[in-house]
Amino acid sequence: MPVFASVCFIMFNFILYAAAALIWGSTWFGIKLQLTQVPPILSVGYRFCLASMILLVYCYFTKRRLKFTLYDHRFMMIQGFTLFGLSYIMSYLATSYLTSGLVAVIYCTILMWNILNLRLFMGQPVAWRAFGGGILGLSGICMVFWHDLSAFTATRGLIGLGMGLVGSYLASLGNIVGSRNARAGVPVTQANAYGMAYGGLLTLAIHFGSGGALTMDWSIGYLGPMLYLTIFGSVVAFGCYMLLIGRIGAEYAAYVTLLMPLIALIISTLFENYQWTLNAGIGITIVLAGNLVILTPAETLCRAYRQTRRIYAAG
């Protein structure tokens, strides 16, 4: 029975890993499909207002606490504005300039921004592996977009890169505020429910405040991706990820972020005709290697280094 229980534990964790990675990896292409006659900012508003309603209804029927202080709501609002509002506006706009897979790779820099923001706002020291991984990640991004960077002009690639980097930094700010909310006793599900509401309302305010009109694409080509992004991308995948954290810990669950851009790139290659180049292949590998260094504990890296040296010496 212990062996059977262990196999079941591993298989269920694998299913959670696969579900979170596949869903989040495919949401980037879902964003691409939403770039129809509906303005990107309005699409973000639709997505997160609907996702918030689903989560709030879920919290209500499962009798989760929904009353919080105004002080807590202030931070949930900041989290929503940065993580679910402004960050996603940038990701949708970046996707209008780049293939969805490349935008997913750019958003990998969120791990690097997390390290910087934890240092700036919470005084957390920067470990050498985190610094090294961040440098690797930036180097990889530069290699992927070397043609655009070397042109010294505002190419579509460079504009998309800038938007993606701003968006990933804003998402990192939201993560930092989210960690504050968790420490203050605000459950993650409720914080996200309210945060999505605040973020969705902000995007609607930006859209209508800038003179935008209320428009909707009622075709299945738009509504299908929107429902997929809302229900699976914003609710189901997050639930799988939170279950994974509860079962194996946040440190190991975070490796989902390594699989997500790979899946997004495969989808871009199949459905967006993304053309691979040598620079892009090497650069993307370096970005993922940098994230691996950031995520992997120092002791594990040291053991891997010693084992590699032993194998090399024996050879």
C-alpha atoms as a PDB file:
ATOM      1  CA  MET A   1       0.000   0.000   0.000  1.00  0.00           C
ATOM      2  CA  PRO A   2       2.775   2.539   0.731  1.00  0.00           C
ATOM      3  CA  VAL A   3       4.195   1.898  -2.761  1.00  0.00           C
ATOM      4  CA  PHE A   4       0.756   2.344  -4.338  1.00  0.00           C
ATOM      5  CA  ALA A   5       0.190   5.535  -2.330  1.00  0.00           C
ATOM      6  CA  SER A   6       3.568   6.882  -3.428  1.00  0.00           C
ATOM      7  CA  VAL A   7       2.800   6.158  -7.087  1.00  0.00           C
ATOM      8  CA  CYS A   8      -0.574   7.900  -6.759  1.00  0.00           C
ATOM      9  CA  PHE A   9       1.102  10.891  -5.087  1.00  0.00           C
ATOM     10  CA  ILE A  10       3.650  11.201  -7.899  1.00  0.00           C
ATOM     11  CA  MET A  11       1.054  10.728 -10.648  1.00  0.00           C
ATOM     12  CA  PHE A  12      -1.298  13.332  -9.187  1.00  0.00           C
ATOM     13  CA  ASN A  13       1.563  15.814  -8.842  1.00  0.00           C
ATOM     14  CA  PHE A  14       2.508  15.135 -12.456  1.00  0.00           C
ATOM     15  CA  ILE A  15      -1.083  15.818 -13.548  1.00  0.00           C
ATOM     16  CA  LEU A  16      -1.104  19.101 -11.622  1.00  0.00           C
ATOM     17  CA  TYR A  17       2.252  20.085 -13.131  1.00  0.00           C
ATOM     18  CA  ALA A  18       1.115  19.209 -16.640  1.00  0.00           C
ATOM     19  CA  ALA A  19      -2.240  20.969 -16.287  1.00  0.00           C
ATOM     20  CA  ALA A  20      -0.739  24.218 -14.965  1.00  0.00           C
ATOM     21  CA  ALA A  21       2.089  24.247 -17.525  1.00  0.00           C
ATOM     22  CA  LEU A  22      -0.091  23.337 -20.520  1.00  0.00           C
ATOM     23  CA  ILE A  23      -2.829  25.817 -19.659  1.00  0.00           C
ATOM     24  CA  TRP A  24      -0.524  28.725 -18.841  1.00  0.00           C
ATOM     25  CA  GLY A  25       1.698  27.896 -21.791  1.00  0.00           C
ATOM     26  CA  SER A  26      -1.276  28.013 -24.164  1.00  0.00           C
ATOM     27  CA  THR A  27      -2.841  31.189 -22.742  1.00  0.00           C
ATOM     28  CA  TRP A  28      -0.312  33.313 -24.638  1.00  0.00           C
ATOM     29  CA  PHE A  29      -1.703  32.062 -27.929  1.00  0.00           C
ATOM     30  CA  GLY A  30      -5.199  32.619 -26.539  1.00  0.00           C
ATOM     31  CA  ILE A  31      -4.256  36.279 -26.079  1.00  0.00           C
ATOM     32  CA  LYS A  32      -3.170  36.392 -29.728  1.00  0.00           C
ATOM     33  CA  LEU A  33      -6.576  35.079 -30.795  1.00  0.00           C
ATOM     34  CA  GLN A  34      -8.287  37.858 -28.832  1.00  0.00           C
ATOM     35  CA  LEU A  35      -6.642  40.577 -30.907  1.00  0.00           C
ATOM     36  CA  THR A  36      -9.706  41.103 -33.112  1.00  0.00           C
ATOM     37  CA  GLN A  37     -11.864  44.211 -33.425  1.00  0.00           C
ATOM     38  CA  VAL A  38     -12.136  44.428 -29.623  1.00  0.00           C
ATOM     39  CA  PRO A  39      -9.386  46.745 -28.275  1.00  0.00           C
ATOM     40  CA  PRO A  40      -6.782  44.863 -26.203  1.00  0.00           C
ATOM     41  CA  ILE A  41      -7.387  46.959 -23.070  1.00  0.00           C
ATOM     42  CA  LEU A  42     -11.118  46.232 -23.210  1.00  0.00           C
ATOM     43  CA  SER A  43     -10.402  42.514 -23.637  1.00  0.00           C
ATOM     44  CA  VAL A  44      -8.300  42.570 -20.449  1.00  0.00           C
ATOM     45  CA  GLY A  45     -11.205  44.217 -18.634  1.00  0.00           C
ATOM     46  CA  TYR A  46     -13.696  41.613 -19.860  1.00  0.00           C
ATOM     47  CA  ARG A  47     -11.370  38.776 -18.879  1.00  0.00           C
ATOM     48  CA  PHE A  48     -10.633  39.778 -15.306  1.00  0.00           C
ATOM     49  CA  CYS A  49     -14.056  41.136 -14.406  1.00  0.00           C
ATOM     50  CA  LEU A  50     -15.524  37.777 -15.428  1.00  0.00           C
ATOM     51  CA  ALA A  51     -12.749  35.812 -13.676  1.00  0.00           C
ATOM     52  CA  SER A  52     -13.305  37.849 -10.506  1.00  0.00           C
ATOM     53  CA  MET A  53     -17.031  37.103 -10.523  1.00  0.00           C
ATOM     54  CA  ILE A  54     -16.337  33.374 -10.886  1.00  0.00           C
ATOM     55  CA  LEU A  55     -13.869  33.395  -7.974  1.00  0.00           C
ATOM     56  CA  LEU A  56     -16.143  35.493  -5.746  1.00  0.00           C
ATOM     57  CA  VAL A  57     -19.079  33.149  -6.394  1.00  0.00           C
ATOM     58  CA  TYR A  58     -16.794  30.196  -5.620  1.00  0.00           C
ATOM     59  CA  CYS A  59     -15.666  31.822  -2.359  1.00  0.00           C
ATOM     60  CA  TYR A  60     -19.270  32.572  -1.399  1.00  0.00           C
ATOM     61  CA  PHE A  61     -20.556  29.028  -1.899  1.00  0.00           C
ATOM     62  CA  THR A  62     -17.521  27.467  -0.216  1.00  0.00           C
ATOM     63  CA  LYS A  63     -18.050  29.869   2.716  1.00  0.00           C
ATOM     64  CA  ARG A  64     -14.636  31.470   2.474  1.00  0.00           C
ATOM     65  CA  ARG A  65     -14.066  34.764   4.232  1.00  0.00           C
ATOM     66  CA  LEU A  66     -14.878  37.721   2.003  1.00  0.00           C
ATOM     67  CA  LYS A  67     -14.776  40.589   4.506  1.00  0.00           C
ATOM     68  CA  PHE A  68     -11.459  42.383   4.886  1.00  0.00           C
ATOM     69  CA  THR A  69     -10.351  45.715   6.250  1.00  0.00           C
ATOM     70  CA  LEU A  70     -10.036  48.805   4.059  1.00  0.00           C
ATOM     71  CA  TYR A  71      -6.296  48.638   4.714  1.00  0.00           C
ATOM     72  CA  ASP A  72      -6.160  45.134   3.233  1.00  0.00           C
ATOM     73  CA  HIS A  73      -8.329  46.242   0.307  1.00  0.00           C
ATOM     74  CA  ARG A  74      -5.831  48.997  -0.407  1.00  0.00           C
ATOM     75  CA  PHE A  75      -3.095  46.433  -0.952  1.00  0.00           C
ATOM     76  CA  MET A  76      -5.376  44.085  -2.878  1.00  0.00           C
ATOM     77  CA  MET A  77      -6.164  47.035  -5.127  1.00  0.00           C
ATOM     78  CA  ILE A  78      -2.460  47.733  -5.682  1.00  0.00           C
ATOM     79  CA  GLN A  79      -1.914  44.060  -6.455  1.00  0.00           C
ATOM     80  CA  GLY A  80      -4.820  44.083  -8.879  1.00  0.00           C
ATOM     81  CA  PHE A  81      -3.726  47.280 -10.623  1.00  0.00           C
ATOM     82  CA  THR A  82      -0.193  46.001 -11.203  1.00  0.00           C
ATOM     83  CA  LEU A  83      -0.551  42.219 -11.640  1.00  0.00           C
ATOM     84  CA  PHE A  84      -3.952  41.891 -13.319  1.00  0.00           C
ATOM     85  CA  GLY A  85      -4.443  45.332 -14.842  1.00  0.00           C
ATOM     86  CA  LEU A  86      -1.404  47.181 -16.154  1.00  0.00           C
ATOM     87  CA  SER A  87       0.761  44.081 -16.585  1.00  0.00           C
ATOM     88  CA  TYR A  88      -1.809  42.341 -18.768  1.00  0.00           C
ATOM     89  CA  ILE A  89      -2.414  45.474 -20.788  1.00  0.00           C
ATOM     90  CA  MET A  90       1.292  45.388 -21.630  1.00  0.00           C
ATOM     91  CA  SER A  91       1.206  41.664 -22.439  1.00  0.00           C
ATOM     92  CA  TYR A  92      -1.769  42.065 -24.790  1.00  0.00           C
ATOM     93  CA  LEU A  93      -0.136  45.045 -26.516  1.00  0.00           C
ATOM     94  CA  ALA A  94       3.217  43.233 -26.766  1.00  0.00           C
ATOM     95  CA  THR A  95       1.465  40.262 -28.375  1.00  0.00           C
ATOM     96  CA  SER A  96       0.213  42.565 -31.125  1.00  0.00           C
ATOM     97  CA  TYR A  97       3.888  43.172 -32.069  1.00  0.00           C
ATOM     98  CA  LEU A  98       5.426  39.750 -31.398  1.00  0.00           C
ATOM     99  CA  THR A  99       4.501  36.093 -31.574  1.00  0.00           C
ATOM    100  CA  SER A 100       2.899  34.870 -28.364  1.00  0.00           C
ATOM    101  CA  GLY A 101       5.808  32.510 -27.649  1.00  0.00           C
ATOM    102  CA  LEU A 102       8.341  35.348 -27.605  1.00  0.00           C
ATOM    103  CA  VAL A 103       6.143  37.343 -25.227  1.00  0.00           C
ATOM    104  CA  ALA A 104       6.076  34.315 -22.919  1.00  0.00           C
ATOM    105  CA  VAL A 105       9.882  34.184 -23.001  1.00  0.00           C
ATOM    106  CA  ILE A 106      10.113  37.907 -22.156  1.00  0.00           C
ATOM    107  CA  TYR A 107       7.786  37.387 -19.204  1.00  0.00           C
ATOM    108  CA  CYS A 108      10.287  34.839 -17.854  1.00  0.00           C
ATOM    109  CA  THR A 109      12.213  37.888 -16.614  1.00  0.00           C
ATOM    110  CA  ILE A 110       9.626  38.163 -13.841  1.00  0.00           C
ATOM    111  CA  LEU A 111      11.886  35.946 -11.713  1.00  0.00           C
ATOM    112  CA  MET A 112      14.720  38.445 -12.139  1.00  0.00           C
ATOM    113  CA  TRP A 113      12.442  41.391 -11.352  1.00  0.00           C
ATOM    114  CA  ASN A 114      11.194  39.552  -8.244  1.00  0.00           C
ATOM    115  CA  ILE A 115      14.756  39.414  -6.931  1.00  0.00           C
ATOM    116  CA  LEU A 116      15.314  43.113  -7.622  1.00  0.00           C
ATOM    117  CA  ASN A 117      12.002  44.191  -6.061  1.00  0.00           C
ATOM    118  CA  LEU A 118      12.467  42.010  -2.992  1.00  0.00           C
ATOM    119  CA  ARG A 119      15.782  43.782  -2.479  1.00  0.00           C
ATOM    120  CA  LEU A 120      14.380  47.278  -3.111  1.00  0.00           C
ATOM    121  CA  PHE A 121      11.135  47.048  -1.158  1.00  0.00           C
ATOM    122  CA  MET A 122      11.746  44.345   1.442  1.00  0.00           C
ATOM    123  CA  GLY A 123      15.503  44.508   1.987  1.00  0.00           C
ATOM    124  CA  GLN A 124      16.012  40.853   1.091  1.00  0.00           C
ATOM    125  CA  PRO A 125      19.644  40.083   0.227  1.00  0.00           C
ATOM    126  CA  VAL A 126      20.449  38.936  -3.292  1.00  0.00           C
ATOM    127  CA  ALA A 127      22.023  35.474  -3.462  1.00  0.00           C
ATOM    128  CA  TRP A 128      24.857  34.896  -5.931  1.00  0.00           C
ATOM    129  CA  ARG A 129      22.844  32.307  -7.854  1.00  0.00           C
ATOM    130  CA  ALA A 130      19.949  34.759  -8.197  1.00  0.00           C
ATOM    131  CA  PHE A 131      22.285  37.469  -9.469  1.00  0.00           C
ATOM    132  CA  GLY A 132      23.997  35.068 -11.882  1.00  0.00           C
ATOM    133  CA  GLY A 133      20.671  33.710 -13.117  1.00  0.00           C
ATOM    134  CA  GLY A 134      19.397  37.231 -13.700  1.00  0.00           C
ATOM    135  CA  ILE A 135      22.473  38.150 -15.745  1.00  0.00           C
ATOM    136  CA  LEU A 136      22.040  34.972 -17.798  1.00  0.00           C
ATOM    137  CA  GLY A 137      18.388  35.774 -18.403  1.00  0.00           C
ATOM    138  CA  LEU A 138      19.109  39.320 -19.590  1.00  0.00           C
ATOM    139  CA  SER A 139      21.908  38.055 -21.823  1.00  0.00           C
ATOM    140  CA  GLY A 140      19.550  35.532 -23.394  1.00  0.00           C
ATOM    141  CA  ILE A 141      16.887  38.177 -24.029  1.00  0.00           C
ATOM    142  CA  CYS A 142      19.497  40.414 -25.686  1.00  0.00           C
ATOM    143  CA  MET A 143      20.568  37.527 -27.926  1.00  0.00           C
ATOM    144  CA  VAL A 144      16.989  36.719 -28.958  1.00  0.00           C
ATOM    145  CA  PHE A 145      16.360  40.352 -29.921  1.00  0.00           C
ATOM    146  CA  TRP A 146      19.892  41.133 -31.106  1.00  0.00           C
ATOM    147  CA  HIS A 147      18.755  42.053 -34.620  1.00  0.00           C
ATOM    148  CA  ASP A 148      16.282  44.627 -33.254  1.00  0.00           C
ATOM    149  CA  LEU A 149      18.694  45.969 -30.622  1.00  0.00           C
ATOM    150  CA  SER A 150      21.489  46.411 -33.158  1.00  0.00           C
ATOM    151  CA  ALA A 151      19.215  48.283 -35.587  1.00  0.00           C
ATOM    152  CA  PHE A 152      19.000  51.294 -33.213  1.00  0.00           C
ATOM    153  CA  THR A 153      15.496  52.020 -34.485  1.00  0.00           C
ATOM    154  CA  ALA A 154      12.049  51.451 -33.041  1.00  0.00           C
ATOM    155  CA  THR A 155      11.341  48.162 -34.822  1.00  0.00           C
ATOM    156  CA  ARG A 156       8.222  46.159 -34.035  1.00  0.00           C
ATOM    157  CA  GLY A 157      10.389  43.654 -32.191  1.00  0.00           C
ATOM    158  CA  LEU A 158      11.954  46.335 -30.015  1.00  0.00           C
ATOM    159  CA  ILE A 159       8.590  47.924 -29.212  1.00  0.00           C
ATOM    160  CA  GLY A 160       7.165  44.521 -28.256  1.00  0.00           C
ATOM    161  CA  LEU A 161      10.242  43.777 -26.150  1.00  0.00           C
ATOM    162  CA  GLY A 162       9.884  47.070 -24.273  1.00  0.00           C
ATOM    163  CA  MET A 163       6.205  46.472 -23.576  1.00  0.00           C
ATOM    164  CA  GLY A 164       6.886  42.913 -22.431  1.00  0.00           C
ATOM    165  CA  LEU A 165       9.646  43.976 -20.042  1.00  0.00           C
ATOM    166  CA  VAL A 166       7.462  46.722 -18.543  1.00  0.00           C
ATOM    167  CA  GLY A 167       4.623  44.239 -18.182  1.00  0.00           C
ATOM    168  CA  SER A 168       6.789  41.615 -16.483  1.00  0.00           C
ATOM    169  CA  TYR A 169       8.143  44.242 -14.072  1.00  0.00           C
ATOM    170  CA  LEU A 170       4.611  45.344 -13.176  1.00  0.00           C
ATOM    171  CA  ALA A 171       3.633  41.703 -12.640  1.00  0.00           C
ATOM    172  CA  SER A 172       6.605  41.354 -10.303  1.00  0.00           C
ATOM    173  CA  LEU A 173       5.426  44.363  -8.292  1.00  0.00           C
ATOM    174  CA  GLY A 174       2.058  42.644  -7.999  1.00  0.00           C
ATOM    175  CA  ASN A 175       3.762  39.493  -6.751  1.00  0.00           C
ATOM    176  CA  ILE A 176       5.594  41.451  -4.053  1.00  0.00           C
ATOM    177  CA  VAL A 177       2.348  43.057  -2.876  1.00  0.00           C
ATOM    178  CA  GLY A 178       0.713  39.626  -3.033  1.00  0.00           C
ATOM    179  CA  SER A 179       3.354  38.247  -0.665  1.00  0.00           C
ATOM    180  CA  ARG A 180       2.526  41.100   1.730  1.00  0.00           C
ATOM    181  CA  ASN A 181      -1.177  40.201   1.531  1.00  0.00           C
ATOM    182  CA  ALA A 182      -0.418  36.552   2.313  1.00  0.00           C
ATOM    183  CA  ARG A 183       1.670  37.527   5.349  1.00  0.00           C
ATOM    184  CA  ALA A 184      -1.169  39.783   6.514  1.00  0.00           C
ATOM    185  CA  GLY A 185      -3.517  36.791   6.565  1.00  0.00           C
ATOM    186  CA  VAL A 186      -5.385  37.454   3.326  1.00  0.00           C
ATOM    187  CA  PRO A 187      -5.909  34.050   1.615  1.00  0.00           C
ATOM    188  CA  VAL A 188      -4.524  33.874  -1.906  1.00  0.00           C
ATOM    189  CA  THR A 189      -7.840  32.931  -3.543  1.00  0.00           C
ATOM    190  CA  GLN A 190      -9.717  35.874  -2.043  1.00  0.00           C
ATOM    191  CA  ALA A 191      -6.811  38.243  -2.722  1.00  0.00           C
ATOM    192  CA  ASN A 192      -6.865  37.207  -6.373  1.00  0.00           C
ATOM    193  CA  ALA A 193     -10.649  37.475  -6.584  1.00  0.00           C
ATOM    194  CA  TYR A 194     -10.608  41.064  -5.370  1.00  0.00           C
ATOM    195  CA  GLY A 195      -7.362  41.841  -7.191  1.00  0.00           C
ATOM    196  CA  MET A 196      -8.827  40.672 -10.504  1.00  0.00           C
ATOM    197  CA  ALA A 197     -11.882  42.852  -9.862  1.00  0.00           C
ATOM    198  CA  TYR A 198      -9.736  45.911  -9.179  1.00  0.00           C
ATOM    199  CA  GLY A 199      -7.499  45.181 -12.168  1.00  0.00           C
ATOM    200  CA  GLY A 200     -10.457  44.589 -14.485  1.00  0.00           C
ATOM    201  CA  LEU A 201     -12.187  47.790 -13.379  1.00  0.00           C
ATOM    202  CA  LEU A 202      -8.962  49.757 -13.860  1.00  0.00           C
ATOM    203  CA  THR A 203      -8.607  48.539 -17.438  1.00  0.00           C
ATOM    204  CA  LEU A 204     -12.230  49.429 -18.169  1.00  0.00           C
ATOM    205  CA  ALA A 205     -11.664  52.891 -16.703  1.00  0.00           C
ATOM    206  CA  ILE A 206      -8.554  53.354 -18.878  1.00  0.00           C
ATOM    207  CA  HIS A 207     -10.408  52.195 -21.988  1.00  0.00           C
ATOM    208  CA  PHE A 208     -13.496  54.345 -21.540  1.00  0.00           C
ATOM    209  CA  GLY A 209     -11.541  57.263 -20.051  1.00  0.00           C
ATOM    210  CA  SER A 210      -9.419  57.438 -23.191  1.00  0.00           C
ATOM    211  CA  GLY A 211     -12.527  57.664 -25.371  1.00  0.00           C
ATOM    212  CA  GLY A 212     -12.951  53.986 -26.173  1.00  0.00           C
ATOM    213  CA  ALA A 213     -16.348  52.610 -27.111  1.00  0.00           C
ATOM    214  CA  LEU A 214     -18.148  49.567 -25.739  1.00  0.00           C
ATOM    215  CA  THR A 215     -17.602  46.856 -28.341  1.00  0.00           C
ATOM    216  CA  MET A 216     -17.880  43.084 -28.384  1.00  0.00           C
ATOM    217  CA  ASP A 217     -16.980  40.372 -30.858  1.00  0.00           C
ATOM    218  CA  TRP A 218     -19.677  37.717 -30.556  1.00  0.00           C
ATOM    219  CA  SER A 219     -17.900  35.227 -32.809  1.00  0.00           C
ATOM    220  CA  ILE A 220     -16.694  31.913 -31.420  1.00  0.00           C
ATOM    221  CA  GLY A 221     -13.192  32.925 -32.505  1.00  0.00           C
ATOM    222  CA  TYR A 222     -13.213  35.636 -29.827  1.00  0.00           C
ATOM    223  CA  LEU A 223     -15.554  34.283 -27.152  1.00  0.00           C
ATOM    224  CA  GLY A 224     -13.859  30.867 -27.135  1.00  0.00           C
ATOM    225  CA  PRO A 225     -10.381  32.212 -26.273  1.00  0.00           C
ATOM    226  CA  MET A 226     -11.876  34.680 -23.775  1.00  0.00           C
ATOM    227  CA  LEU A 227     -13.690  31.928 -21.881  1.00  0.00           C
ATOM    228  CA  TYR A 228     -10.611  29.709 -22.051  1.00  0.00           C
ATOM    229  CA  LEU A 229      -8.390  32.487 -20.682  1.00  0.00           C
ATOM    230  CA  THR A 230     -10.931  33.361 -17.998  1.00  0.00           C
ATOM    231  CA  ILE A 231     -11.947  29.923 -16.758  1.00  0.00           C
ATOM    232  CA  PHE A 232      -8.848  27.838 -17.424  1.00  0.00           C
ATOM    233  CA  GLY A 233      -6.068  30.449 -17.485  1.00  0.00           C
ATOM    234  CA  SER A 234      -7.277  32.532 -14.537  1.00  0.00           C
ATOM    235  CA  VAL A 235      -9.109  29.951 -12.396  1.00  0.00           C
ATOM    236  CA  VAL A 236      -8.326  26.283 -13.178  1.00  0.00           C
ATOM    237  CA  ALA A 237      -4.564  26.600 -13.738  1.00  0.00           C
ATOM    238  CA  PHE A 238      -4.214  28.752 -10.662  1.00  0.00           C
ATOM    239  CA  GLY A 239      -6.110  26.158  -8.617  1.00  0.00           C
ATOM    240  CA  CYS A 240      -3.791  23.396  -9.885  1.00  0.00           C
ATOM    241  CA  TYR A 241      -0.761  25.501  -9.042  1.00  0.00           C
ATOM    242  CA  MET A 242      -1.992  26.235  -5.510  1.00  0.00           C
ATOM    243  CA  LEU A 243      -2.674  22.519  -4.962  1.00  0.00           C
ATOM    244  CA  LEU A 244       0.851  21.795  -6.143  1.00  0.00           C
ATOM    245  CA  ILE A 245       2.290  24.321  -3.698  1.00  0.00           C
ATOM    246  CA  GLY A 246       0.334  22.698  -0.872  1.00  0.00           C
ATOM    247  CA  ARG A 247       1.597  19.220  -1.794  1.00  0.00           C
ATOM    248  CA  ILE A 248       5.277  19.829  -2.621  1.00  0.00           C
ATOM    249  CA  GLY A 249       6.003  23.433  -1.624  1.00  0.00           C
ATOM    250  CA  ALA A 250       6.334  26.690  -3.552  1.00  0.00           C
ATOM    251  CA  GLU A 251      10.048  26.131  -4.242  1.00  0.00           C
ATOM    252  CA  TYR A 252       9.417  23.060  -6.405  1.00  0.00           C
ATOM    253  CA  ALA A 253       6.060  24.158  -7.807  1.00  0.00           C
ATOM    254  CA  ALA A 254       7.775  27.220  -9.313  1.00  0.00           C
ATOM    255  CA  TYR A 255       9.456  24.963 -11.894  1.00  0.00           C
ATOM    256  CA  VAL A 256       6.177  25.218 -13.822  1.00  0.00           C
ATOM    257  CA  THR A 257       7.541  28.568 -15.039  1.00  0.00           C
ATOM    258  CA  LEU A 258      10.299  26.718 -16.902  1.00  0.00           C
ATOM    259  CA  LEU A 259       7.838  24.601 -18.875  1.00  0.00           C
ATOM    260  CA  MET A 260       5.388  27.406 -19.693  1.00  0.00           C
ATOM    261  CA  PRO A 261       7.529  29.325 -22.254  1.00  0.00           C
ATOM    262  CA  LEU A 262       8.586  26.087 -23.964  1.00  0.00           C
ATOM    263  CA  ILE A 263       4.943  25.159 -24.519  1.00  0.00           C
ATOM    264  CA  ALA A 264       4.173  28.690 -25.715  1.00  0.00           C
ATOM    265  CA  LEU A 265       7.047  28.515 -28.216  1.00  0.00           C
ATOM    266  CA  ILE A 266       5.911  25.134 -29.543  1.00  0.00           C
ATOM    267  CA  ILE A 267       2.417  26.553 -30.104  1.00  0.00           C
ATOM    268  CA  SER A 268       3.876  29.650 -31.797  1.00  0.00           C
ATOM    269  CA  THR A 269       5.925  27.441 -34.102  1.00  0.00           C
ATOM    270  CA  LEU A 270       2.903  25.331 -35.043  1.00  0.00           C
ATOM    271  CA  PHE A 271       0.208  27.999 -35.353  1.00  0.00           C
ATOM    272  CA  GLU A 272       1.959  31.375 -35.782  1.00  0.00           C
ATOM    273  CA  ASN A 273       4.696  30.239 -38.158  1.00  0.00           C
ATOM    274  CA  TYR A 274       7.399  31.422 -35.768  1.00  0.00           C
ATOM    275  CA  GLN A 275      10.726  31.215 -37.605  1.00  0.00           C
ATOM    276  CA  TRP A 276      13.572  29.960 -35.444  1.00  0.00           C
ATOM    277  CA  THR A 277      17.056  31.424 -35.841  1.00  0.00           C
ATOM    278  CA  LEU A 278      20.352  30.385 -34.294  1.00  0.00           C
ATOM    279  CA  ASN A 279      20.394  33.516 -32.126  1.00  0.00           C
ATOM    280  CA  ALA A 280      16.842  32.866 -30.945  1.00  0.00           C
ATOM    281  CA  GLY A 281      17.550  29.224 -30.104  1.00  0.00           C
ATOM    282  CA  ILE A 282      20.690  30.017 -28.121  1.00  0.00           C
ATOM    283  CA  GLY A 283      19.111  33.043 -26.447  1.00  0.00           C
ATOM    284  CA  ILE A 284      15.991  31.184 -25.335  1.00  0.00           C
ATOM    285  CA  THR A 285      18.152  28.356 -23.960  1.00  0.00           C
ATOM    286  CA  ILE A 286      20.175  30.903 -21.962  1.00  0.00           C
ATOM    287  CA  VAL A 287      16.992  32.544 -20.613  1.00  0.00           C
ATOM    288  CA  LEU A 288      15.656  29.202 -19.404  1.00  0.00           C
ATOM    289  CA  ALA A 289      19.068  28.290 -17.954  1.00  0.00           C
ATOM    290  CA  GLY A 290      19.066  31.569 -16.034  1.00  0.00           C
ATOM    291  CA  ASN A 291      15.628  30.817 -14.591  1.00  0.00           C
ATOM    292  CA  LEU A 292      16.799  27.318 -13.666  1.00  0.00           C
ATOM    293  CA  VAL A 293      19.726  28.812 -11.746  1.00  0.00           C
ATOM    294  CA  ILE A 294      17.394  31.232  -9.942  1.00  0.00           C
ATOM    295  CA  LEU A 295      14.918  28.514  -8.984  1.00  0.00           C
ATOM    296  CA  THR A 296      17.385  25.800  -7.965  1.00  0.00           C
ATOM    297  CA  PRO A 297      18.688  25.860  -4.370  1.00  0.00           C
ATOM    298  CA  ALA A 298      22.400  26.606  -4.015  1.00  0.00           C
ATOM    299  CA  GLU A 299      23.112  23.196  -2.433  1.00  0.00           C
ATOM    300  CA  THR A 300      21.616  21.418  -5.462  1.00  0.00           C
ATOM    301  CA  LEU A 301      23.691  23.518  -7.854  1.00  0.00           C
ATOM    302  CA  CYS A 302      26.857  22.784  -5.875  1.00  0.00           C
ATOM    303  CA  ARG A 303      26.143  19.050  -5.891  1.00  0.00           C
ATOM    304  CA  ALA A 304      25.520  19.137  -9.644  1.00  0.00           C
ATOM    305  CA  TYR A 305      28.765  21.070 -10.171  1.00  0.00           C
ATOM    306  CA  ARG A 306      30.803  18.602  -8.080  1.00  0.00           C
ATOM    307  CA  GLN A 307      29.236  15.633  -9.866  1.00  0.00           C
ATOM    308  CA  THR A 308      30.014  17.197 -13.254  1.00  0.00           C
ATOM    309  CA  ARG A 309      33.650  17.715 -12.222  1.00  0.00           C
ATOM    310  CA  ARG A 310      33.950  14.119 -11.054  1.00  0.00           C
ATOM    311  CA  ILE A 311      32.545  12.826 -14.348  1.00  0.00           C
ATOM    312  CA  TYR A 312      34.858  15.119 -16.310  1.00  0.00           C
ATOM    313  CA  ALA A 313      37.904  14.009 -14.226  1.00  0.00           C
ATOM    314  CA  ALA A 314      36.992  10.350 -14.656  1.00  0.00           C
ATOM    315  CA  GLY A 315      36.712  10.805 -18.405  1.00  0.00           C
END
